[in-house]
Amino acid sequence: MQKKILVVDDETDLVEMLSVRLEANDYQVLKAFDGEDGLNKARENKPDLIVLDLMLPKIDGYKVCRMLKFDEKYKHIPIIMFTARAQEADMELGKEVGADAYIIKPFEADTFLAKISELLRK
C-alpha cells in the first residue's frame, strides 16, 4: 500500500520539487502551504509521515509539531523538521517539540529519501 506523506512548506517550488521526488518513489503526497492548513490536513488525513518547515505563515512548524506530538491520535506520526535554520538551538527546540528528524536546506535528495524510508520502517 502506498504511504501518505504530508509536505508543509510555504515555498511552492520546493513543495512541487519534493512532490515529484516523492511520487517517483511511490509515495502519495499531500500538500499544505501554511501551518494552519498543515495541521488541519494532518488531522483529516492521518499521513504516514510529515515533512514540516519551521518558518510558516499562520502557525510555525514548532507549534504544529507540538500540537500533533502531544495529541494521542497523532503522536505516532513521524515528523521531519525541514528548514534552513541550522543553529543548535533550533535543532534542540525541534527535539523538544517531538520532531523525529531534522533536515537542513539545502539538502541532498538521497539523504532526504533515506531518512523518510528509515522513519517509515520504524
N, C-alpha and C. Protein backbone atom coordinates (compact mmCIF):
# COMPACT_ATOMS: atom_id res chain seq x y z
N MET A 1 0.83 -1.20 0.00
CA MET A 1 0.00 0.00 0.00
C MET A 1 0.87 1.25 0.00
N GLN A 2 0.44 2.26 -0.74
CA GLN A 2 1.20 3.50 -0.86
C GLN A 2 1.17 4.30 0.44
N LYS A 3 2.33 4.75 0.89
CA LYS A 3 2.42 5.57 2.10
C LYS A 3 2.08 7.01 1.76
N LYS A 4 1.38 7.68 2.68
CA LYS A 4 0.98 9.08 2.51
C LYS A 4 1.94 9.99 3.24
N ILE A 5 2.46 10.98 2.53
CA ILE A 5 3.36 11.95 3.13
C ILE A 5 2.79 13.35 2.96
N LEU A 6 2.69 14.06 4.07
CA LEU A 6 2.22 15.44 4.04
C LEU A 6 3.43 16.36 4.04
N VAL A 7 3.51 17.23 3.02
CA VAL A 7 4.60 18.20 2.92
C VAL A 7 4.03 19.58 3.24
N VAL A 8 4.56 20.21 4.29
CA VAL A 8 4.08 21.53 4.71
C VAL A 8 5.23 22.52 4.58
N ASP A 9 5.14 23.41 3.59
CA ASP A 9 6.18 24.41 3.35
C ASP A 9 5.55 25.55 2.56
N ASP A 10 5.94 26.79 2.86
CA ASP A 10 5.36 27.93 2.14
C ASP A 10 6.08 28.23 0.83
N GLU A 11 7.15 27.50 0.52
CA GLU A 11 7.83 27.69 -0.76
C GLU A 11 7.23 26.72 -1.78
N THR A 12 6.33 27.23 -2.63
CA THR A 12 5.60 26.35 -3.55
C THR A 12 6.51 25.57 -4.49
N ASP A 13 7.59 26.20 -4.97
CA ASP A 13 8.50 25.49 -5.89
C ASP A 13 9.13 24.29 -5.19
N LEU A 14 9.51 24.49 -3.94
CA LEU A 14 10.13 23.42 -3.16
C LEU A 14 9.12 22.28 -2.93
N VAL A 15 7.89 22.63 -2.60
CA VAL A 15 6.85 21.63 -2.38
C VAL A 15 6.64 20.82 -3.67
N GLU A 16 6.59 21.49 -4.80
CA GLU A 16 6.41 20.79 -6.07
C GLU A 16 7.58 19.86 -6.36
N MET A 17 8.82 20.35 -6.13
CA MET A 17 10.01 19.54 -6.38
C MET A 17 10.01 18.29 -5.48
N LEU A 18 9.70 18.49 -4.20
CA LEU A 18 9.63 17.36 -3.27
C LEU A 18 8.54 16.38 -3.68
N SER A 19 7.40 16.91 -4.10
CA SER A 19 6.28 16.06 -4.52
C SER A 19 6.67 15.16 -5.68
N VAL A 20 7.35 15.74 -6.66
CA VAL A 20 7.78 14.96 -7.83
C VAL A 20 8.72 13.84 -7.38
N ARG A 21 9.69 14.19 -6.52
CA ARG A 21 10.64 13.20 -5.99
C ARG A 21 9.93 12.08 -5.24
N LEU A 22 9.02 12.48 -4.34
CA LEU A 22 8.33 11.50 -3.50
C LEU A 22 7.41 10.61 -4.33
N GLU A 23 6.68 11.23 -5.27
CA GLU A 23 5.78 10.43 -6.12
C GLU A 23 6.57 9.46 -7.00
N ALA A 24 7.76 9.88 -7.44
CA ALA A 24 8.61 8.99 -8.23
C ALA A 24 9.08 7.80 -7.40
N ASN A 25 9.07 7.96 -6.08
CA ASN A 25 9.44 6.87 -5.17
C ASN A 25 8.21 6.18 -4.59
N ASP A 26 7.10 6.34 -5.26
CA ASP A 26 5.86 5.64 -4.94
C ASP A 26 5.19 6.05 -3.63
N TYR A 27 5.32 7.35 -3.28
CA TYR A 27 4.59 7.87 -2.13
C TYR A 27 3.43 8.71 -2.64
N GLN A 28 2.35 8.73 -1.87
CA GLN A 28 1.25 9.64 -2.17
C GLN A 28 1.55 10.93 -1.41
N VAL A 29 1.42 12.09 -2.07
CA VAL A 29 1.80 13.35 -1.45
C VAL A 29 0.60 14.25 -1.21
N LEU A 30 0.50 14.75 0.02
CA LEU A 30 -0.49 15.77 0.37
C LEU A 30 0.32 17.05 0.57
N LYS A 31 -0.27 18.20 0.21
CA LYS A 31 0.49 19.45 0.30
C LYS A 31 -0.26 20.49 1.12
N ALA A 32 0.50 21.26 1.89
CA ALA A 32 -0.05 22.40 2.62
C ALA A 32 1.01 23.51 2.57
N PHE A 33 0.54 24.76 2.52
CA PHE A 33 1.47 25.88 2.34
C PHE A 33 1.52 26.83 3.53
N ASP A 34 0.81 26.49 4.61
CA ASP A 34 0.95 27.24 5.86
C ASP A 34 0.67 26.30 7.02
N GLY A 35 1.05 26.71 8.23
CA GLY A 35 0.94 25.84 9.38
C GLY A 35 -0.48 25.42 9.72
N GLU A 36 -1.41 26.35 9.59
CA GLU A 36 -2.79 26.03 9.92
C GLU A 36 -3.36 24.97 8.99
N ASP A 37 -3.12 25.14 7.69
CA ASP A 37 -3.58 24.17 6.69
C ASP A 37 -2.88 22.81 6.92
N GLY A 38 -1.59 22.87 7.25
CA GLY A 38 -0.83 21.65 7.51
C GLY A 38 -1.41 20.88 8.68
N LEU A 39 -1.72 21.59 9.75
CA LEU A 39 -2.29 20.97 10.94
C LEU A 39 -3.64 20.33 10.62
N ASN A 40 -4.48 21.06 9.90
CA ASN A 40 -5.80 20.53 9.52
C ASN A 40 -5.68 19.30 8.63
N LYS A 41 -4.78 19.36 7.64
CA LYS A 41 -4.60 18.21 6.73
C LYS A 41 -4.05 17.01 7.48
N ALA A 42 -3.16 17.24 8.44
CA ALA A 42 -2.60 16.14 9.23
C ALA A 42 -3.72 15.45 10.01
N ARG A 43 -4.60 16.26 10.60
CA ARG A 43 -5.70 15.70 11.40
C ARG A 43 -6.73 14.99 10.53
N GLU A 44 -7.01 15.55 9.36
CA GLU A 44 -8.02 14.94 8.47
C GLU A 44 -7.52 13.66 7.81
N ASN A 45 -6.27 13.68 7.35
CA ASN A 45 -5.76 12.59 6.51
C ASN A 45 -4.88 11.57 7.23
N LYS A 46 -4.45 11.88 8.46
CA LYS A 46 -3.55 11.00 9.21
C LYS A 46 -2.45 10.40 8.31
N PRO A 47 -1.55 11.27 7.82
CA PRO A 47 -0.49 10.77 6.93
C PRO A 47 0.46 9.83 7.66
N ASP A 48 1.25 9.08 6.89
CA ASP A 48 2.23 8.16 7.48
C ASP A 48 3.48 8.91 7.96
N LEU A 49 3.69 10.12 7.39
CA LEU A 49 4.86 10.92 7.75
C LEU A 49 4.59 12.36 7.35
N ILE A 50 5.19 13.30 8.08
CA ILE A 50 5.03 14.73 7.77
C ILE A 50 6.40 15.37 7.60
N VAL A 51 6.55 16.12 6.51
CA VAL A 51 7.75 16.93 6.28
C VAL A 51 7.30 18.35 6.57
N LEU A 52 7.91 18.97 7.58
CA LEU A 52 7.39 20.23 8.11
C LEU A 52 8.45 21.33 8.16
N ASP A 53 8.19 22.42 7.45
CA ASP A 53 9.07 23.59 7.50
C ASP A 53 8.85 24.27 8.86
N LEU A 54 9.82 25.03 9.32
CA LEU A 54 9.66 25.74 10.59
C LEU A 54 9.05 27.11 10.41
N MET A 55 9.55 27.85 9.42
CA MET A 55 9.11 29.22 9.22
C MET A 55 7.88 29.22 8.30
N LEU A 56 6.71 29.15 8.91
CA LEU A 56 5.46 29.05 8.16
C LEU A 56 4.52 30.19 8.52
N PRO A 57 3.69 30.63 7.55
CA PRO A 57 2.65 31.60 7.88
C PRO A 57 1.59 30.96 8.79
N LYS A 58 0.87 31.76 9.52
CA LYS A 58 -0.23 31.39 10.42
C LYS A 58 0.22 30.67 11.68
N ILE A 59 0.74 29.44 11.58
CA ILE A 59 1.26 28.73 12.76
C ILE A 59 2.64 28.20 12.38
N ASP A 60 3.67 28.47 13.20
CA ASP A 60 5.01 28.00 12.82
C ASP A 60 5.14 26.48 13.02
N GLY A 61 6.17 25.92 12.40
CA GLY A 61 6.38 24.48 12.42
C GLY A 61 6.54 23.89 13.81
N TYR A 62 7.18 24.65 14.72
CA TYR A 62 7.34 24.15 16.08
C TYR A 62 5.99 23.90 16.73
N LYS A 63 5.07 24.88 16.57
CA LYS A 63 3.75 24.75 17.20
C LYS A 63 2.96 23.61 16.57
N VAL A 64 3.04 23.50 15.23
CA VAL A 64 2.32 22.41 14.55
C VAL A 64 2.82 21.07 15.07
N CYS A 65 4.13 20.93 15.14
CA CYS A 65 4.74 19.69 15.61
C CYS A 65 4.28 19.38 17.04
N ARG A 66 4.36 20.37 17.91
CA ARG A 66 3.98 20.17 19.30
C ARG A 66 2.50 19.77 19.41
N MET A 67 1.63 20.44 18.66
CA MET A 67 0.20 20.14 18.73
C MET A 67 -0.10 18.71 18.29
N LEU A 68 0.64 18.22 17.30
CA LEU A 68 0.43 16.84 16.84
C LEU A 68 1.07 15.83 17.79
N LYS A 69 2.29 16.11 18.23
CA LYS A 69 3.02 15.15 19.07
C LYS A 69 2.45 15.02 20.48
N PHE A 70 1.71 16.03 20.94
CA PHE A 70 1.13 15.96 22.27
C PHE A 70 -0.33 15.53 22.22
N ASP A 71 -0.75 15.01 21.06
CA ASP A 71 -2.12 14.53 20.89
C ASP A 71 -2.05 13.02 20.67
N GLU A 72 -2.71 12.26 21.53
CA GLU A 72 -2.67 10.79 21.45
C GLU A 72 -2.96 10.25 20.04
N LYS A 73 -3.87 10.91 19.32
CA LYS A 73 -4.30 10.41 18.00
C LYS A 73 -3.22 10.54 16.94
N TYR A 74 -2.30 11.50 17.12
CA TYR A 74 -1.35 11.80 16.05
C TYR A 74 0.11 11.65 16.45
N LYS A 75 0.39 11.38 17.73
CA LYS A 75 1.78 11.42 18.19
C LYS A 75 2.68 10.36 17.55
N HIS A 76 2.07 9.31 16.98
CA HIS A 76 2.85 8.24 16.34
C HIS A 76 3.36 8.63 14.95
N ILE A 77 2.84 9.73 14.39
CA ILE A 77 3.24 10.12 13.02
C ILE A 77 4.64 10.73 13.06
N PRO A 78 5.60 10.13 12.33
CA PRO A 78 6.96 10.72 12.31
C PRO A 78 6.94 12.10 11.65
N ILE A 79 7.67 13.04 12.23
CA ILE A 79 7.75 14.39 11.67
C ILE A 79 9.21 14.73 11.41
N ILE A 80 9.49 15.14 10.16
CA ILE A 80 10.82 15.62 9.80
C ILE A 80 10.76 17.14 9.75
N MET A 81 11.52 17.80 10.61
CA MET A 81 11.65 19.25 10.54
C MET A 81 12.54 19.54 9.34
N PHE A 82 12.08 20.43 8.48
CA PHE A 82 12.75 20.68 7.22
C PHE A 82 12.97 22.18 7.13
N THR A 83 14.21 22.64 7.32
CA THR A 83 14.40 24.07 7.49
C THR A 83 15.78 24.57 7.08
N ALA A 84 15.87 25.85 6.85
CA ALA A 84 17.16 26.48 6.56
C ALA A 84 17.86 26.87 7.87
N ARG A 85 17.16 26.75 9.00
CA ARG A 85 17.74 27.15 10.30
C ARG A 85 18.62 26.03 10.84
N ALA A 86 19.92 26.28 10.82
CA ALA A 86 20.89 25.23 11.17
C ALA A 86 21.50 25.41 12.56
N GLN A 87 20.99 26.32 13.37
CA GLN A 87 21.53 26.56 14.70
C GLN A 87 21.25 25.38 15.64
N GLU A 88 22.19 25.11 16.54
CA GLU A 88 21.99 24.06 17.55
C GLU A 88 20.68 24.28 18.32
N ALA A 89 20.43 25.54 18.69
CA ALA A 89 19.24 25.88 19.47
C ALA A 89 17.96 25.50 18.72
N ASP A 90 17.95 25.70 17.41
CA ASP A 90 16.78 25.34 16.59
C ASP A 90 16.57 23.83 16.60
N MET A 91 17.67 23.10 16.49
CA MET A 91 17.59 21.63 16.50
C MET A 91 17.11 21.12 17.86
N GLU A 92 17.61 21.74 18.93
CA GLU A 92 17.19 21.36 20.28
C GLU A 92 15.70 21.58 20.45
N LEU A 93 15.23 22.74 20.00
CA LEU A 93 13.81 23.06 20.11
C LEU A 93 12.99 22.07 19.29
N GLY A 94 13.51 21.68 18.14
CA GLY A 94 12.85 20.68 17.30
C GLY A 94 12.67 19.37 18.05
N LYS A 95 13.72 18.96 18.76
CA LYS A 95 13.64 17.73 19.56
C LYS A 95 12.63 17.88 20.69
N GLU A 96 12.66 19.04 21.34
CA GLU A 96 11.75 19.28 22.47
C GLU A 96 10.29 19.19 22.08
N VAL A 97 9.96 19.67 20.88
CA VAL A 97 8.55 19.62 20.46
C VAL A 97 8.20 18.27 19.82
N GLY A 98 9.18 17.35 19.75
CA GLY A 98 8.87 15.99 19.32
C GLY A 98 9.27 15.59 17.92
N ALA A 99 10.03 16.43 17.22
CA ALA A 99 10.43 16.08 15.85
C ALA A 99 11.27 14.80 15.85
N ASP A 100 11.05 13.96 14.85
CA ASP A 100 11.77 12.69 14.75
C ASP A 100 13.09 12.84 14.00
N ALA A 101 13.19 13.88 13.17
CA ALA A 101 14.41 14.11 12.39
C ALA A 101 14.46 15.58 12.03
N TYR A 102 15.65 16.02 11.63
CA TYR A 102 15.88 17.43 11.33
C TYR A 102 16.74 17.49 10.08
N ILE A 103 16.19 17.99 8.98
CA ILE A 103 16.96 18.08 7.74
C ILE A 103 17.10 19.55 7.37
N ILE A 104 18.34 19.94 7.09
CA ILE A 104 18.64 21.34 6.80
C ILE A 104 18.68 21.58 5.29
N LYS A 105 18.01 22.66 4.86
CA LYS A 105 18.04 23.07 3.46
C LYS A 105 19.30 23.91 3.26
N PRO A 106 19.97 23.88 2.11
CA PRO A 106 19.72 22.93 1.01
C PRO A 106 20.08 21.52 1.44
N PHE A 107 19.46 20.55 0.82
CA PHE A 107 19.59 19.17 1.28
C PHE A 107 19.95 18.26 0.11
N GLU A 108 20.46 17.08 0.44
CA GLU A 108 20.73 16.05 -0.56
C GLU A 108 19.47 15.21 -0.70
N ALA A 109 18.98 15.07 -1.90
CA ALA A 109 17.75 14.30 -2.13
C ALA A 109 17.86 12.86 -1.62
N ASP A 110 19.03 12.25 -1.82
CA ASP A 110 19.20 10.86 -1.39
C ASP A 110 19.13 10.73 0.13
N THR A 111 19.74 11.69 0.83
CA THR A 111 19.71 11.70 2.29
C THR A 111 18.27 11.86 2.76
N PHE A 112 17.56 12.77 2.11
CA PHE A 112 16.16 13.05 2.43
C PHE A 112 15.30 11.80 2.27
N LEU A 113 15.42 11.14 1.13
CA LEU A 113 14.62 9.93 0.85
C LEU A 113 15.01 8.79 1.79
N ALA A 114 16.30 8.68 2.11
CA ALA A 114 16.76 7.63 3.03
C ALA A 114 16.16 7.84 4.41
N LYS A 115 16.12 9.09 4.87
CA LYS A 115 15.56 9.40 6.19
C LYS A 115 14.07 9.07 6.21
N ILE A 116 13.37 9.38 5.14
CA ILE A 116 11.93 9.08 5.06
C ILE A 116 11.70 7.57 5.15
N SER A 117 12.44 6.79 4.36
CA SER A 117 12.19 5.35 4.39
C SER A 117 12.60 4.76 5.74
N GLU A 118 13.64 5.32 6.37
CA GLU A 118 14.05 4.84 7.70
C GLU A 118 12.92 5.10 8.72
N LEU A 119 12.35 6.29 8.72
CA LEU A 119 11.28 6.61 9.67
C LEU A 119 10.00 5.81 9.40
N LEU A 120 9.74 5.52 8.14
CA LEU A 120 8.52 4.75 7.82
C LEU A 120 8.66 3.29 8.19
N ARG A 121 9.90 2.80 8.29
CA ARG A 121 10.11 1.38 8.66
C ARG A 121 9.94 1.14 10.16
N LYS A 122 10.12 2.19 10.96
CA LYS A 122 10.08 2.04 12.43
C LYS A 122 8.73 1.57 12.91
